């Protein structure tokens, strides 16, 4: 900043002398360095198409529920893990062995406020669903598959993945007296991030 002094005439003819004062001006250059790093590149690996479970491991599903309700006693822990096949739901009976499944009637339904819909059943073994009291239909061959050397058991339902509700899976057994025993599992129907499966290389059971 430049300062200036101003003087008037004192009548003696003396000239006022103004001595300029100089101040060294210093310019400070400030360099601003950005500390914001560029966002890291994130790569999400998405499976291309349905997963062939006849040759590959079954991926985990976010939609699961244990078989914990009912009067049918079975050995081991069995869990219903739900997957997508086309535009419908498929349930993997995780932990259900072929020996235990033999002679059982497998079933699925979607439970809504007004009651169950899309009720279907399919036998694991000849006549396993015959005489069983059900409000649904018995599906034609192609709904139950056995996959891989471990004999993994899958049931493809008629439940659309676009519908809301509670997914229900059942394992039913008809006794000699004509009565039945059941074991059921429930899980909320949410297809978000649920893998899609392919059974073209699996064996059709029913």
C-alpha atoms as a PDB file:
ATOM      1  CA  UNK A   1       0.000   0.000   0.000  1.00  0.00           C
ATOM      2  CA  UNK A   2       1.427   3.493  -0.892  1.00  0.00           C
ATOM      3  CA  UNK A   3       1.134   6.226   1.770  1.00  0.00           C
ATOM      4  CA  UNK A   4       1.413   9.937   0.713  1.00  0.00           C
ATOM      5  CA  UNK A   5       1.970  13.069   2.963  1.00  0.00           C
ATOM      6  CA  UNK A   6       0.507  16.416   1.884  1.00  0.00           C
ATOM      7  CA  UNK A   7       1.778  19.877   3.249  1.00  0.00           C
ATOM      8  CA  UNK A   8       0.450  23.496   2.763  1.00  0.00           C
ATOM      9  CA  UNK A   9       2.383  26.814   2.104  1.00  0.00           C
ATOM     10  CA  UNK A  10       3.722  28.369   5.433  1.00  0.00           C
ATOM     11  CA  UNK A  11       4.250  31.865   3.876  1.00  0.00           C
ATOM     12  CA  UNK A  12       8.063  31.733   4.123  1.00  0.00           C
ATOM     13  CA  UNK A  13       8.430  30.496   0.669  1.00  0.00           C
ATOM     14  CA  UNK A  14       9.954  27.348   1.921  1.00  0.00           C
ATOM     15  CA  UNK A  15       9.109  24.499  -0.255  1.00  0.00           C
ATOM     16  CA  UNK A  16       7.811  21.420   1.354  1.00  0.00           C
ATOM     17  CA  UNK A  17       9.639  18.387   0.333  1.00  0.00           C
ATOM     18  CA  UNK A  18       7.757  15.190   0.158  1.00  0.00           C
ATOM     19  CA  UNK A  19       9.886  12.219   0.569  1.00  0.00           C
ATOM     20  CA  UNK A  20       8.116   9.257  -0.839  1.00  0.00           C
ATOM     21  CA  UNK A  21       8.139   6.286   1.364  1.00  0.00           C
ATOM     22  CA  UNK A  22       8.563   3.073  -0.451  1.00  0.00           C
ATOM     23  CA  UNK A  23       7.485  -0.248   0.879  1.00  0.00           C
ATOM     24  CA  UNK A  24       8.670  -3.400  -0.594  1.00  0.00           C
ATOM     25  CA  UNK A  25       5.728  -5.381  -1.806  1.00  0.00           C
ATOM     26  CA  UNK A  26       6.007  -9.062  -1.356  1.00  0.00           C
ATOM     27  CA  UNK A  27       3.826 -11.384  -3.349  1.00  0.00           C
ATOM     28  CA  UNK A  28       3.223 -14.764  -1.798  1.00  0.00           C
ATOM     29  CA  UNK A  29       2.204 -17.438  -4.209  1.00  0.00           C
ATOM     30  CA  UNK A  30       0.000 -20.061  -2.641  1.00  0.00           C
ATOM     31  CA  UNK A  31      -0.235 -23.402  -4.324  1.00  0.00           C
ATOM     32  CA  UNK A  32      -3.404 -25.339  -3.512  1.00  0.00           C
ATOM     33  CA  UNK A  33      -2.934 -29.040  -3.783  1.00  0.00           C
ATOM     34  CA  UNK A  34      -6.065 -31.133  -4.098  1.00  0.00           C
ATOM     35  CA  UNK A  35      -6.136 -33.894  -1.521  1.00  0.00           C
ATOM     36  CA  UNK A  36      -9.284 -35.447  -2.931  1.00  0.00           C
ATOM     37  CA  UNK A  37      -8.396 -38.789  -4.448  1.00  0.00           C
ATOM     38  CA  UNK A  38     -10.185 -40.021  -7.513  1.00  0.00           C
ATOM     39  CA  UNK A  39     -12.850 -42.589  -6.653  1.00  0.00           C
ATOM     40  CA  UNK A  40     -11.570 -46.113  -6.775  1.00  0.00           C
ATOM     41  CA  UNK A  41     -12.795 -48.209  -9.636  1.00  0.00           C
ATOM     42  CA  UNK A  42     -15.167 -50.918  -8.457  1.00  0.00           C
ATOM     43  CA  UNK A  43     -15.750 -54.017 -10.500  1.00  0.00           C
ATOM     44  CA  UNK A  44     -18.777 -56.187  -9.803  1.00  0.00           C
ATOM     45  CA  UNK A  45     -18.654 -59.707 -11.139  1.00  0.00           C
ATOM     46  CA  UNK A  46     -22.039 -60.910 -12.302  1.00  0.00           C
ATOM     47  CA  UNK A  47     -22.642 -64.459 -13.401  1.00  0.00           C
ATOM     48  CA  UNK A  48     -23.497 -64.625 -17.086  1.00  0.00           C
ATOM     49  CA  UNK A  49     -26.754 -66.487 -17.304  1.00  0.00           C
ATOM     50  CA  UNK A  50     -28.117 -69.252 -15.081  1.00  0.00           C
ATOM     51  CA  UNK A  51     -25.711 -71.393 -13.046  1.00  0.00           C
ATOM     52  CA  UNK A  52     -25.558 -75.052 -14.083  1.00  0.00           C
ATOM     53  CA  UNK A  53     -25.824 -76.831 -10.742  1.00  0.00           C
ATOM     54  CA  UNK A  54     -25.117 -80.216 -12.314  1.00  0.00           C
ATOM     55  CA  UNK A  55     -21.443 -79.304 -12.534  1.00  0.00           C
ATOM     56  CA  UNK A  56     -21.011 -76.256 -10.288  1.00  0.00           C
ATOM     57  CA  UNK A  57     -21.416 -75.656  -6.577  1.00  0.00           C
ATOM     58  CA  UNK A  58     -24.748 -74.215  -5.504  1.00  0.00           C
ATOM     59  CA  UNK A  59     -24.225 -70.500  -4.732  1.00  0.00           C
ATOM     60  CA  UNK A  60     -25.574 -69.131  -1.453  1.00  0.00           C
ATOM     61  CA  UNK A  61     -29.045 -67.602  -1.475  1.00  0.00           C
ATOM     62  CA  UNK A  62     -30.195 -64.610   0.605  1.00  0.00           C
ATOM     63  CA  UNK A  63     -33.666 -66.199   0.881  1.00  0.00           C
ATOM     64  CA  UNK A  64     -33.660 -69.172   3.264  1.00  0.00           C
ATOM     65  CA  UNK A  65     -35.686 -70.715   6.048  1.00  0.00           C
ATOM     66  CA  UNK A  66     -35.247 -73.864   8.167  1.00  0.00           C
ATOM     67  CA  UNK A  67     -37.780 -76.681   8.140  1.00  0.00           C
ATOM     68  CA  UNK A  68     -38.903 -76.229  11.724  1.00  0.00           C
ATOM     69  CA  UNK A  69     -42.714 -76.401  11.801  1.00  0.00           C
ATOM     70  CA  UNK A  70     -44.736 -79.602  11.756  1.00  0.00           C
ATOM     71  CA  UNK A  71     -45.047 -83.105  13.116  1.00  0.00           C
ATOM     72  CA  UNK A  72     -42.840 -84.972  10.646  1.00  0.00           C
ATOM     73  CA  UNK A  73     -39.555 -86.013  12.233  1.00  0.00           C
ATOM     74  CA  UNK A  74     -36.570 -86.256   9.896  1.00  0.00           C
ATOM     75  CA  UNK A  75     -32.894 -86.846  10.543  1.00  0.00           C
ATOM     76  CA  UNK A  76     -30.515 -83.922  10.147  1.00  0.00           C
ATOM     77  CA  UNK A  77     -31.021 -80.199   9.633  1.00  0.00           C
ATOM     78  CA  UNK A  78     -32.880 -79.291   6.445  1.00  0.00           C
ATOM     79  CA  UNK A  79     -33.096 -75.751   5.065  1.00  0.00           C
ATOM     80  CA  UNK A  80     -35.154 -74.348   2.218  1.00  0.00           C
ATOM     81  CA  UNK A  81     -32.904 -72.144   0.068  1.00  0.00           C
ATOM     82  CA  UNK A  82     -34.775 -70.306  -2.668  1.00  0.00           C
ATOM     83  CA  UNK A  83     -33.520 -69.524  -6.182  1.00  0.00           C
ATOM     84  CA  UNK A  84     -34.829 -68.192  -9.471  1.00  0.00           C
ATOM     85  CA  UNK A  85     -35.539 -70.334 -12.529  1.00  0.00           C
ATOM     86  CA  UNK A  86     -36.810 -68.215 -15.395  1.00  0.00           C
ATOM     87  CA  UNK A  87     -39.615 -66.161 -13.846  1.00  0.00           C
ATOM     88  CA  UNK A  88     -40.546 -68.563 -11.032  1.00  0.00           C
ATOM     89  CA  UNK A  89     -39.087 -69.650  -7.696  1.00  0.00           C
ATOM     90  CA  UNK A  90     -37.137 -72.875  -7.139  1.00  0.00           C
ATOM     91  CA  UNK A  91     -36.415 -74.311  -3.700  1.00  0.00           C
ATOM     92  CA  UNK A  92     -33.273 -76.263  -2.868  1.00  0.00           C
ATOM     93  CA  UNK A  93     -33.885 -78.743  -0.054  1.00  0.00           C
ATOM     94  CA  UNK A  94     -30.466 -78.259   1.478  1.00  0.00           C
ATOM     95  CA  UNK A  95     -29.574 -81.150   3.774  1.00  0.00           C
ATOM     96  CA  UNK A  96     -32.303 -83.465   2.464  1.00  0.00           C
ATOM     97  CA  UNK A  97     -30.708 -86.727   1.395  1.00  0.00           C
ATOM     98  CA  UNK A  98     -32.087 -89.023  -1.250  1.00  0.00           C
ATOM     99  CA  UNK A  99     -32.823 -91.744   1.301  1.00  0.00           C
ATOM    100  CA  UNK A 100     -34.843 -89.378   3.479  1.00  0.00           C
ATOM    101  CA  UNK A 101     -36.637 -87.809   0.506  1.00  0.00           C
ATOM    102  CA  UNK A 102     -37.715 -91.157  -0.913  1.00  0.00           C
ATOM    103  CA  UNK A 103     -41.446 -91.679  -0.492  1.00  0.00           C
ATOM    104  CA  UNK A 104     -42.081 -88.034   0.460  1.00  0.00           C
ATOM    105  CA  UNK A 105     -44.350 -85.517  -1.232  1.00  0.00           C
ATOM    106  CA  UNK A 106     -42.611 -82.179  -1.808  1.00  0.00           C
ATOM    107  CA  UNK A 107     -44.632 -79.000  -2.057  1.00  0.00           C
ATOM    108  CA  UNK A 108     -44.486 -75.215  -2.356  1.00  0.00           C
ATOM    109  CA  UNK A 109     -46.877 -72.287  -2.058  1.00  0.00           C
ATOM    110  CA  UNK A 110     -46.926 -68.509  -1.723  1.00  0.00           C
ATOM    111  CA  UNK A 111     -48.690 -67.353   1.436  1.00  0.00           C
ATOM    112  CA  UNK A 112     -50.595 -64.079   1.161  1.00  0.00           C
ATOM    113  CA  UNK A 113     -52.958 -62.242   3.502  1.00  0.00           C
ATOM    114  CA  UNK A 114     -55.904 -64.123   2.029  1.00  0.00           C
ATOM    115  CA  UNK A 115     -54.219 -67.507   2.250  1.00  0.00           C
ATOM    116  CA  UNK A 116     -51.843 -69.652   0.175  1.00  0.00           C
ATOM    117  CA  UNK A 117     -51.743 -69.434  -3.631  1.00  0.00           C
ATOM    118  CA  UNK A 118     -49.779 -71.239  -6.336  1.00  0.00           C
ATOM    119  CA  UNK A 119     -49.888 -74.449  -4.302  1.00  0.00           C
ATOM    120  CA  UNK A 120     -48.196 -77.368  -6.034  1.00  0.00           C
ATOM    121  CA  UNK A 121     -46.768 -80.746  -5.074  1.00  0.00           C
ATOM    122  CA  UNK A 122     -44.519 -83.330  -6.678  1.00  0.00           C
ATOM    123  CA  UNK A 123     -43.606 -86.829  -5.485  1.00  0.00           C
ATOM    124  CA  UNK A 124     -40.092 -88.041  -4.747  1.00  0.00           C
ATOM    125  CA  UNK A 125     -40.737 -91.569  -5.784  1.00  0.00           C
ATOM    126  CA  UNK A 126     -43.757 -93.228  -7.344  1.00  0.00           C
ATOM    127  CA  UNK A 127     -47.136 -92.447  -5.789  1.00  0.00           C
ATOM    128  CA  UNK A 128     -45.607 -90.443  -2.912  1.00  0.00           C
ATOM    129  CA  UNK A 129     -48.309 -87.764  -3.277  1.00  0.00           C
ATOM    130  CA  UNK A 130     -51.183 -90.107  -4.086  1.00  0.00           C
ATOM    131  CA  UNK A 131     -53.965 -89.895  -1.535  1.00  0.00           C
ATOM    132  CA  UNK A 132     -52.403 -86.844   0.034  1.00  0.00           C
ATOM    133  CA  UNK A 133     -54.989 -84.147   0.790  1.00  0.00           C
ATOM    134  CA  UNK A 134     -53.903 -80.945  -0.952  1.00  0.00           C
ATOM    135  CA  UNK A 135     -55.599 -77.863  -2.348  1.00  0.00           C
ATOM    136  CA  UNK A 136     -52.950 -77.527  -5.026  1.00  0.00           C
ATOM    137  CA  UNK A 137     -52.033 -79.539  -8.063  1.00  0.00           C
ATOM    138  CA  UNK A 138     -49.488 -82.296  -8.565  1.00  0.00           C
ATOM    139  CA  UNK A 139     -47.029 -81.097 -11.159  1.00  0.00           C
ATOM    140  CA  UNK A 140     -46.062 -83.174 -14.192  1.00  0.00           C
ATOM    141  CA  UNK A 141     -42.534 -84.627 -14.484  1.00  0.00           C
ATOM    142  CA  UNK A 142     -39.850 -81.952 -14.678  1.00  0.00           C
ATOM    143  CA  UNK A 143     -40.463 -80.108 -11.421  1.00  0.00           C
ATOM    144  CA  UNK A 144     -38.142 -82.106  -9.129  1.00  0.00           C
ATOM    145  CA  UNK A 145     -34.474 -82.550 -10.046  1.00  0.00           C
ATOM    146  CA  UNK A 146     -31.549 -84.395  -8.518  1.00  0.00           C
ATOM    147  CA  UNK A 147     -28.253 -82.709  -9.312  1.00  0.00           C
ATOM    148  CA  UNK A 148     -24.533 -83.481  -9.089  1.00  0.00           C
ATOM    149  CA  UNK A 149     -22.863 -86.465  -7.442  1.00  0.00           C
ATOM    150  CA  UNK A 150     -24.148 -85.305  -4.050  1.00  0.00           C
ATOM    151  CA  UNK A 151     -27.772 -85.890  -5.220  1.00  0.00           C
ATOM    152  CA  UNK A 152     -28.925 -82.345  -4.418  1.00  0.00           C
ATOM    153  CA  UNK A 153     -32.709 -82.005  -4.533  1.00  0.00           C
ATOM    154  CA  UNK A 154     -34.511 -79.053  -6.159  1.00  0.00           C
ATOM    155  CA  UNK A 155     -38.213 -78.306  -6.667  1.00  0.00           C
ATOM    156  CA  UNK A 156     -39.230 -75.774  -9.318  1.00  0.00           C
ATOM    157  CA  UNK A 157     -42.519 -74.185  -8.291  1.00  0.00           C
ATOM    158  CA  UNK A 158     -45.154 -72.199 -10.172  1.00  0.00           C
ATOM    159  CA  UNK A 159     -44.696 -69.187  -7.867  1.00  0.00           C
ATOM    160  CA  UNK A 160     -43.915 -66.048  -9.919  1.00  0.00           C
ATOM    161  CA  UNK A 161     -40.910 -64.095  -8.673  1.00  0.00           C
ATOM    162  CA  UNK A 162     -42.844 -60.864  -9.358  1.00  0.00           C
ATOM    163  CA  UNK A 163     -45.365 -61.555  -6.581  1.00  0.00           C
ATOM    164  CA  UNK A 164     -45.000 -60.536  -2.937  1.00  0.00           C
ATOM    165  CA  UNK A 165     -45.718 -62.847  -0.042  1.00  0.00           C
ATOM    166  CA  UNK A 166     -44.132 -65.572   2.053  1.00  0.00           C
ATOM    167  CA  UNK A 167     -42.528 -68.546   0.330  1.00  0.00           C
ATOM    168  CA  UNK A 168     -43.540 -71.841   1.902  1.00  0.00           C
ATOM    169  CA  UNK A 169     -41.941 -75.225   1.255  1.00  0.00           C
ATOM    170  CA  UNK A 170     -43.148 -78.542   2.624  1.00  0.00           C
ATOM    171  CA  UNK A 171     -42.082 -82.153   3.026  1.00  0.00           C
ATOM    172  CA  UNK A 172     -45.120 -84.401   3.486  1.00  0.00           C
ATOM    173  CA  UNK A 173     -45.542 -88.068   4.199  1.00  0.00           C
ATOM    174  CA  UNK A 174     -48.681 -90.185   3.946  1.00  0.00           C
ATOM    175  CA  UNK A 175     -48.961 -92.971   6.505  1.00  0.00           C
ATOM    176  CA  UNK A 176     -50.625 -96.338   6.095  1.00  0.00           C
ATOM    177  CA  UNK A 177     -53.797 -95.166   7.849  1.00  0.00           C
ATOM    178  CA  UNK A 178     -54.344 -92.423   5.274  1.00  0.00           C
ATOM    179  CA  UNK A 179     -53.209 -89.614   7.522  1.00  0.00           C
ATOM    180  CA  UNK A 180     -50.271 -87.332   6.868  1.00  0.00           C
ATOM    181  CA  UNK A 181     -47.326 -85.706   8.570  1.00  0.00           C
ATOM    182  CA  UNK A 182     -45.668 -82.506   7.420  1.00  0.00           C
ATOM    183  CA  UNK A 183     -42.610 -80.353   7.937  1.00  0.00           C
ATOM    184  CA  UNK A 184     -42.625 -76.792   6.601  1.00  0.00           C
ATOM    185  CA  UNK A 185     -40.354 -73.803   6.057  1.00  0.00           C
ATOM    186  CA  UNK A 186     -41.114 -70.136   5.384  1.00  0.00           C
ATOM    187  CA  UNK A 187     -39.136 -67.186   3.990  1.00  0.00           C
ATOM    188  CA  UNK A 188     -40.050 -63.740   2.640  1.00  0.00           C
ATOM    189  CA  UNK A 189     -40.254 -63.615  -1.145  1.00  0.00           C
ATOM    190  CA  UNK A 190     -37.598 -61.117  -2.242  1.00  0.00           C
ATOM    191  CA  UNK A 191     -35.777 -61.952  -5.510  1.00  0.00           C
ATOM    192  CA  UNK A 192     -33.144 -59.231  -5.032  1.00  0.00           C
ATOM    193  CA  UNK A 193     -29.645 -60.693  -5.590  1.00  0.00           C
ATOM    194  CA  UNK A 194     -31.028 -64.243  -5.794  1.00  0.00           C
ATOM    195  CA  UNK A 195     -28.995 -66.423  -8.216  1.00  0.00           C
ATOM    196  CA  UNK A 196     -30.664 -68.084 -11.192  1.00  0.00           C
ATOM    197  CA  UNK A 197     -30.131 -71.814 -11.639  1.00  0.00           C
ATOM    198  CA  UNK A 198     -30.092 -74.155 -14.624  1.00  0.00           C
ATOM    199  CA  UNK A 199     -31.145 -77.807 -14.297  1.00  0.00           C
ATOM    200  CA  UNK A 200     -30.636 -78.927 -17.886  1.00  0.00           C
ATOM    201  CA  UNK A 201     -27.796 -81.249 -16.811  1.00  0.00           C
ATOM    202  CA  UNK A 202     -29.659 -82.712 -13.820  1.00  0.00           C
ATOM    203  CA  UNK A 203     -31.774 -85.838 -13.509  1.00  0.00           C
ATOM    204  CA  UNK A 204     -35.553 -85.471 -13.506  1.00  0.00           C
ATOM    205  CA  UNK A 205     -37.115 -87.249 -10.530  1.00  0.00           C
ATOM    206  CA  UNK A 206     -40.704 -86.213 -11.009  1.00  0.00           C
END
